[in-house]
Amino acid sequence: MYLSPLFDTALTYATHIHAHQQRKSTEIPYITHLLGVLSIALEYGATEEEAIGALLHDAGEDAGGEGRIADIRLRFGNAVADIVAGCSDTLEEHKPDWRTRKEAYIAHLSHTTPSIRFV
């Protein structure tokens, strides 16, 4: 599969918006998680939109909420923004209780698109 310059832009974008984040309780840069998800998605046949969605899947949840989703929609299109929004368990800055949030997220997956479930 050929990845276009839009993918390059998304990779730079993801690196920038998560630049100061680390994996929980570690010194490991957060981008490692995103690259891992991207790798798995590509190995299982992701389209470019799904690959970019995988790379940005935590952007709304962990790096800007609704405003970030709107920015992704402008930069990368509706399909990518819909994947990112669909992969977010909350877009609120002050996140609800973990268990409640995760249970609601799992319940919503049965009503999403194949691309959201894939990522």
N, C-alpha and C. Protein backbone atom coordinates (compact mmCIF):
# COMPACT_ATOMS: atom_id res chain seq x y z
N MET A 1 0.84 -1.18 0.00
CA MET A 1 0.00 0.00 0.00
C MET A 1 0.89 1.24 0.00
N TYR A 2 0.48 2.22 -0.76
CA TYR A 2 1.17 3.50 -0.80
C TYR A 2 0.51 4.44 0.20
N LEU A 3 1.33 5.06 1.05
CA LEU A 3 0.82 6.08 1.97
C LEU A 3 1.17 7.45 1.40
N SER A 4 0.17 8.27 1.26
CA SER A 4 0.32 9.58 0.60
C SER A 4 0.98 10.60 1.52
N PRO A 5 1.28 11.78 0.96
CA PRO A 5 1.80 12.87 1.81
C PRO A 5 0.84 13.26 2.94
N LEU A 6 -0.45 12.97 2.80
CA LEU A 6 -1.39 13.26 3.89
C LEU A 6 -1.04 12.42 5.12
N PHE A 7 -0.60 11.18 4.90
CA PHE A 7 -0.17 10.35 6.02
C PHE A 7 1.05 10.97 6.70
N ASP A 8 2.00 11.46 5.92
CA ASP A 8 3.17 12.12 6.49
C ASP A 8 2.76 13.30 7.37
N THR A 9 1.80 14.06 6.88
CA THR A 9 1.28 15.20 7.64
C THR A 9 0.65 14.73 8.95
N ALA A 10 -0.10 13.63 8.89
CA ALA A 10 -0.75 13.09 10.09
C ALA A 10 0.29 12.60 11.10
N LEU A 11 1.35 12.00 10.62
CA LEU A 11 2.41 11.52 11.51
C LEU A 11 3.06 12.68 12.25
N THR A 12 3.35 13.74 11.53
CA THR A 12 3.92 14.94 12.15
C THR A 12 2.94 15.56 13.12
N TYR A 13 1.69 15.62 12.72
CA TYR A 13 0.62 16.19 13.56
C TYR A 13 0.50 15.41 14.87
N ALA A 14 0.45 14.08 14.79
CA ALA A 14 0.33 13.25 15.99
C ALA A 14 1.53 13.45 16.90
N THR A 15 2.71 13.50 16.32
CA THR A 15 3.93 13.70 17.11
C THR A 15 3.87 15.04 17.83
N HIS A 16 3.40 16.05 17.15
CA HIS A 16 3.31 17.40 17.73
C HIS A 16 2.29 17.48 18.85
N ILE A 17 1.07 16.97 18.62
CA ILE A 17 0.01 17.17 19.62
C ILE A 17 0.20 16.30 20.87
N HIS A 18 0.97 15.22 20.74
CA HIS A 18 1.23 14.36 21.89
C HIS A 18 2.66 14.51 22.41
N ALA A 19 3.37 15.54 21.97
CA ALA A 19 4.80 15.70 22.25
C ALA A 19 5.15 15.68 23.73
N HIS A 20 4.30 16.21 24.57
CA HIS A 20 4.64 16.31 26.00
C HIS A 20 3.95 15.24 26.85
N GLN A 21 3.40 14.24 26.18
CA GLN A 21 2.71 13.17 26.91
C GLN A 21 3.60 11.94 26.99
N GLN A 22 3.40 11.19 28.07
CA GLN A 22 4.12 9.94 28.27
C GLN A 22 3.13 8.84 28.61
N ARG A 23 3.53 7.60 28.37
CA ARG A 23 2.70 6.47 28.78
C ARG A 23 2.53 6.52 30.29
N LYS A 24 1.38 6.11 30.78
CA LYS A 24 1.08 6.19 32.22
C LYS A 24 2.19 5.56 33.06
N SER A 25 2.61 6.31 34.06
CA SER A 25 3.59 5.86 35.06
C SER A 25 4.94 5.47 34.45
N THR A 26 5.28 6.06 33.31
CA THR A 26 6.57 5.77 32.68
C THR A 26 7.18 7.05 32.13
N GLU A 27 8.36 6.92 31.58
CA GLU A 27 9.03 8.01 30.87
C GLU A 27 8.95 7.78 29.35
N ILE A 28 8.19 6.79 28.95
CA ILE A 28 8.10 6.41 27.54
C ILE A 28 7.22 7.42 26.79
N PRO A 29 7.71 7.98 25.70
CA PRO A 29 6.90 8.94 24.93
C PRO A 29 5.59 8.30 24.45
N TYR A 30 4.51 9.05 24.54
CA TYR A 30 3.19 8.54 24.19
C TYR A 30 3.10 8.11 22.73
N ILE A 31 3.88 8.72 21.88
CA ILE A 31 3.84 8.40 20.45
C ILE A 31 4.10 6.92 20.21
N THR A 32 4.81 6.25 21.12
CA THR A 32 5.08 4.82 20.93
C THR A 32 3.78 4.02 20.89
N HIS A 33 2.82 4.39 21.72
CA HIS A 33 1.51 3.71 21.71
C HIS A 33 0.83 3.92 20.36
N LEU A 34 0.84 5.15 19.89
CA LEU A 34 0.16 5.46 18.63
C LEU A 34 0.81 4.73 17.46
N LEU A 35 2.13 4.66 17.47
CA LEU A 35 2.83 3.94 16.41
C LEU A 35 2.55 2.43 16.47
N GLY A 36 2.39 1.91 17.68
CA GLY A 36 2.04 0.50 17.83
C GLY A 36 0.66 0.19 17.27
N VAL A 37 -0.31 1.04 17.57
CA VAL A 37 -1.66 0.87 17.04
C VAL A 37 -1.64 1.00 15.52
N LEU A 38 -0.91 1.97 15.02
CA LEU A 38 -0.77 2.17 13.57
C LEU A 38 -0.19 0.93 12.91
N SER A 39 0.86 0.39 13.50
CA SER A 39 1.52 -0.79 12.94
C SER A 39 0.55 -1.97 12.83
N ILE A 40 -0.18 -2.21 13.89
CA ILE A 40 -1.15 -3.32 13.87
C ILE A 40 -2.21 -3.08 12.80
N ALA A 41 -2.72 -1.86 12.73
CA ALA A 41 -3.76 -1.55 11.74
C ALA A 41 -3.25 -1.79 10.32
N LEU A 42 -2.06 -1.31 10.02
CA LEU A 42 -1.50 -1.49 8.68
C LEU A 42 -1.23 -2.97 8.38
N GLU A 43 -0.75 -3.70 9.36
CA GLU A 43 -0.47 -5.12 9.16
C GLU A 43 -1.74 -5.91 8.88
N TYR A 44 -2.88 -5.42 9.35
CA TYR A 44 -4.16 -6.09 9.12
C TYR A 44 -4.97 -5.47 7.99
N GLY A 45 -4.33 -4.64 7.16
CA GLY A 45 -4.98 -4.17 5.94
C GLY A 45 -5.73 -2.87 6.02
N ALA A 46 -5.36 -2.00 6.93
CA ALA A 46 -6.03 -0.70 7.04
C ALA A 46 -5.93 0.09 5.74
N THR A 47 -6.98 0.83 5.46
CA THR A 47 -6.91 1.82 4.39
C THR A 47 -6.07 2.99 4.92
N GLU A 48 -5.74 3.92 4.06
CA GLU A 48 -5.00 5.08 4.54
C GLU A 48 -5.82 5.88 5.56
N GLU A 49 -7.11 6.04 5.32
CA GLU A 49 -7.95 6.76 6.29
C GLU A 49 -7.96 6.05 7.64
N GLU A 50 -8.06 4.73 7.63
CA GLU A 50 -8.02 3.96 8.88
C GLU A 50 -6.65 4.07 9.54
N ALA A 51 -5.59 4.07 8.74
CA ALA A 51 -4.24 4.22 9.29
C ALA A 51 -4.07 5.57 9.97
N ILE A 52 -4.55 6.62 9.32
CA ILE A 52 -4.46 7.95 9.93
C ILE A 52 -5.36 8.00 11.17
N GLY A 53 -6.53 7.39 11.09
CA GLY A 53 -7.41 7.31 12.26
C GLY A 53 -6.74 6.58 13.41
N ALA A 54 -6.02 5.51 13.11
CA ALA A 54 -5.30 4.76 14.15
C ALA A 54 -4.22 5.63 14.78
N LEU A 55 -3.52 6.35 13.95
CA LEU A 55 -2.46 7.23 14.43
C LEU A 55 -3.00 8.35 15.32
N LEU A 56 -4.19 8.83 15.01
CA LEU A 56 -4.79 9.96 15.74
C LEU A 56 -5.89 9.53 16.71
N HIS A 57 -6.05 8.23 16.95
CA HIS A 57 -7.22 7.74 17.68
C HIS A 57 -7.38 8.33 19.08
N ASP A 58 -6.32 8.78 19.72
CA ASP A 58 -6.42 9.37 21.05
C ASP A 58 -6.39 10.90 21.04
N ALA A 59 -6.36 11.49 19.88
CA ALA A 59 -6.20 12.95 19.78
C ALA A 59 -7.35 13.71 20.43
N GLY A 60 -8.59 13.31 20.19
CA GLY A 60 -9.72 14.00 20.79
C GLY A 60 -9.79 13.77 22.28
N GLU A 61 -9.58 12.54 22.67
CA GLU A 61 -9.69 12.13 24.07
C GLU A 61 -8.58 12.72 24.94
N ASP A 62 -7.36 12.78 24.41
CA ASP A 62 -6.21 13.16 25.22
C ASP A 62 -5.50 14.44 24.79
N ALA A 63 -5.99 15.07 23.72
CA ALA A 63 -5.26 16.24 23.22
C ALA A 63 -6.16 17.30 22.60
N GLY A 64 -7.32 17.57 23.23
CA GLY A 64 -8.07 18.71 22.74
C GLY A 64 -9.56 18.60 22.58
N GLY A 65 -10.15 17.45 22.83
CA GLY A 65 -11.60 17.34 22.81
C GLY A 65 -12.25 17.67 21.48
N GLU A 66 -13.44 18.26 21.55
CA GLU A 66 -14.22 18.60 20.35
C GLU A 66 -13.44 19.50 19.39
N GLY A 67 -12.68 20.44 19.94
CA GLY A 67 -11.89 21.33 19.09
C GLY A 67 -10.86 20.56 18.28
N ARG A 68 -10.26 19.56 18.88
CA ARG A 68 -9.28 18.73 18.16
C ARG A 68 -9.96 17.93 17.07
N ILE A 69 -11.14 17.38 17.36
CA ILE A 69 -11.88 16.63 16.34
C ILE A 69 -12.21 17.54 15.15
N ALA A 70 -12.63 18.76 15.43
CA ALA A 70 -12.94 19.72 14.37
C ALA A 70 -11.70 20.02 13.53
N ASP A 71 -10.55 20.18 14.19
CA ASP A 71 -9.31 20.43 13.47
C ASP A 71 -8.92 19.24 12.60
N ILE A 72 -9.08 18.04 13.12
CA ILE A 72 -8.78 16.83 12.35
C ILE A 72 -9.71 16.74 11.14
N ARG A 73 -10.98 17.10 11.33
CA ARG A 73 -11.94 17.08 10.22
C ARG A 73 -11.47 18.01 9.09
N LEU A 74 -10.99 19.19 9.46
CA LEU A 74 -10.50 20.14 8.45
C LEU A 74 -9.24 19.65 7.76
N ARG A 75 -8.32 19.10 8.54
CA ARG A 75 -7.01 18.69 8.00
C ARG A 75 -7.05 17.35 7.26
N PHE A 76 -7.84 16.39 7.77
CA PHE A 76 -7.75 15.02 7.28
C PHE A 76 -9.06 14.44 6.76
N GLY A 77 -10.16 15.20 6.88
CA GLY A 77 -11.42 14.77 6.30
C GLY A 77 -12.38 14.14 7.29
N ASN A 78 -13.61 13.98 6.82
CA ASN A 78 -14.70 13.46 7.66
C ASN A 78 -14.46 12.03 8.11
N ALA A 79 -13.99 11.18 7.22
CA ALA A 79 -13.82 9.76 7.58
C ALA A 79 -12.82 9.61 8.72
N VAL A 80 -11.69 10.30 8.64
CA VAL A 80 -10.69 10.22 9.71
C VAL A 80 -11.25 10.80 11.00
N ALA A 81 -11.88 11.97 10.92
CA ALA A 81 -12.44 12.59 12.12
C ALA A 81 -13.50 11.71 12.76
N ASP A 82 -14.31 11.04 11.94
CA ASP A 82 -15.33 10.14 12.48
C ASP A 82 -14.68 8.95 13.20
N ILE A 83 -13.58 8.43 12.66
CA ILE A 83 -12.87 7.34 13.33
C ILE A 83 -12.33 7.81 14.67
N VAL A 84 -11.69 8.97 14.68
CA VAL A 84 -11.11 9.49 15.93
C VAL A 84 -12.20 9.73 16.96
N ALA A 85 -13.30 10.36 16.55
CA ALA A 85 -14.41 10.60 17.49
C ALA A 85 -14.99 9.29 17.99
N GLY A 86 -15.14 8.33 17.09
CA GLY A 86 -15.71 7.04 17.46
C GLY A 86 -14.82 6.20 18.36
N CYS A 87 -13.52 6.47 18.33
CA CYS A 87 -12.57 5.75 19.19
C CYS A 87 -12.36 6.44 20.53
N SER A 88 -13.00 7.57 20.72
CA SER A 88 -12.84 8.34 21.96
C SER A 88 -13.90 7.93 22.98
N ASP A 89 -13.47 7.63 24.21
CA ASP A 89 -14.47 7.28 25.22
C ASP A 89 -15.03 8.52 25.91
N THR A 90 -14.35 9.65 25.76
CA THR A 90 -14.89 10.94 26.22
C THR A 90 -14.10 12.04 25.54
N LEU A 91 -14.75 13.16 25.34
CA LEU A 91 -14.06 14.35 24.82
C LEU A 91 -14.03 15.44 25.88
N GLU A 92 -14.47 15.09 27.08
CA GLU A 92 -14.49 16.04 28.19
C GLU A 92 -13.09 16.19 28.79
N GLU A 93 -12.76 17.41 29.18
CA GLU A 93 -11.46 17.65 29.81
C GLU A 93 -11.36 16.95 31.16
N HIS A 94 -12.42 17.04 31.95
CA HIS A 94 -12.47 16.35 33.23
C HIS A 94 -13.23 15.05 33.01
N LYS A 95 -12.48 13.98 32.87
CA LYS A 95 -13.05 12.71 32.47
C LYS A 95 -13.95 12.12 33.56
N PRO A 96 -15.08 11.55 33.14
CA PRO A 96 -15.94 10.83 34.09
C PRO A 96 -15.22 9.62 34.67
N ASP A 97 -15.84 8.98 35.64
CA ASP A 97 -15.32 7.77 36.26
C ASP A 97 -14.87 6.77 35.20
N TRP A 98 -13.71 6.14 35.41
CA TRP A 98 -13.10 5.23 34.44
C TRP A 98 -14.04 4.10 34.05
N ARG A 99 -14.57 3.38 35.02
CA ARG A 99 -15.41 2.21 34.71
C ARG A 99 -16.67 2.61 33.94
N THR A 100 -17.32 3.65 34.38
CA THR A 100 -18.52 4.13 33.69
C THR A 100 -18.19 4.51 32.25
N ARG A 101 -17.09 5.21 32.07
CA ARG A 101 -16.65 5.65 30.75
C ARG A 101 -16.35 4.45 29.84
N LYS A 102 -15.64 3.48 30.35
CA LYS A 102 -15.26 2.31 29.54
C LYS A 102 -16.47 1.44 29.21
N GLU A 103 -17.39 1.27 30.15
CA GLU A 103 -18.59 0.48 29.87
C GLU A 103 -19.45 1.14 28.81
N ALA A 104 -19.60 2.44 28.88
CA ALA A 104 -20.37 3.17 27.86
C ALA A 104 -19.69 3.07 26.50
N TYR A 105 -18.37 3.15 26.49
CA TYR A 105 -17.61 3.06 25.24
C TYR A 105 -17.82 1.69 24.60
N ILE A 106 -17.69 0.64 25.38
CA ILE A 106 -17.87 -0.72 24.85
C ILE A 106 -19.29 -0.89 24.31
N ALA A 107 -20.28 -0.37 25.01
CA ALA A 107 -21.67 -0.47 24.55
C ALA A 107 -21.88 0.25 23.23
N HIS A 108 -21.20 1.38 23.04
CA HIS A 108 -21.40 2.16 21.82
C HIS A 108 -20.77 1.51 20.59
N LEU A 109 -19.81 0.62 20.78
CA LEU A 109 -19.11 0.03 19.64
C LEU A 109 -20.02 -0.75 18.70
N SER A 110 -21.07 -1.36 19.22
CA SER A 110 -21.97 -2.13 18.35
C SER A 110 -22.77 -1.24 17.40
N HIS A 111 -22.75 0.06 17.63
CA HIS A 111 -23.50 1.01 16.80
C HIS A 111 -22.58 1.86 15.92
N THR A 112 -21.33 1.45 15.77
CA THR A 112 -20.37 2.24 15.01
C THR A 112 -20.08 1.60 13.66
N THR A 113 -19.25 2.27 12.89
CA THR A 113 -18.88 1.78 11.56
C THR A 113 -17.80 0.71 11.66
N PRO A 114 -17.66 -0.08 10.62
CA PRO A 114 -16.57 -1.08 10.61
C PRO A 114 -15.18 -0.43 10.79
N SER A 115 -14.97 0.74 10.23
CA SER A 115 -13.67 1.40 10.37
C SER A 115 -13.36 1.77 11.83
N ILE A 116 -14.37 2.24 12.53
CA ILE A 116 -14.17 2.58 13.96
C ILE A 116 -13.86 1.32 14.74
N ARG A 117 -14.62 0.26 14.49
CA ARG A 117 -14.36 -1.00 15.21
C ARG A 117 -13.00 -1.57 14.83
N PHE A 118 -12.62 -1.43 13.59
CA PHE A 118 -11.30 -1.92 13.14
C PHE A 118 -10.18 -1.24 13.90
N VAL A 119 -10.25 0.08 14.00
CA VAL A 119 -9.20 0.82 14.71
C VAL A 119 -9.30 0.54 16.19
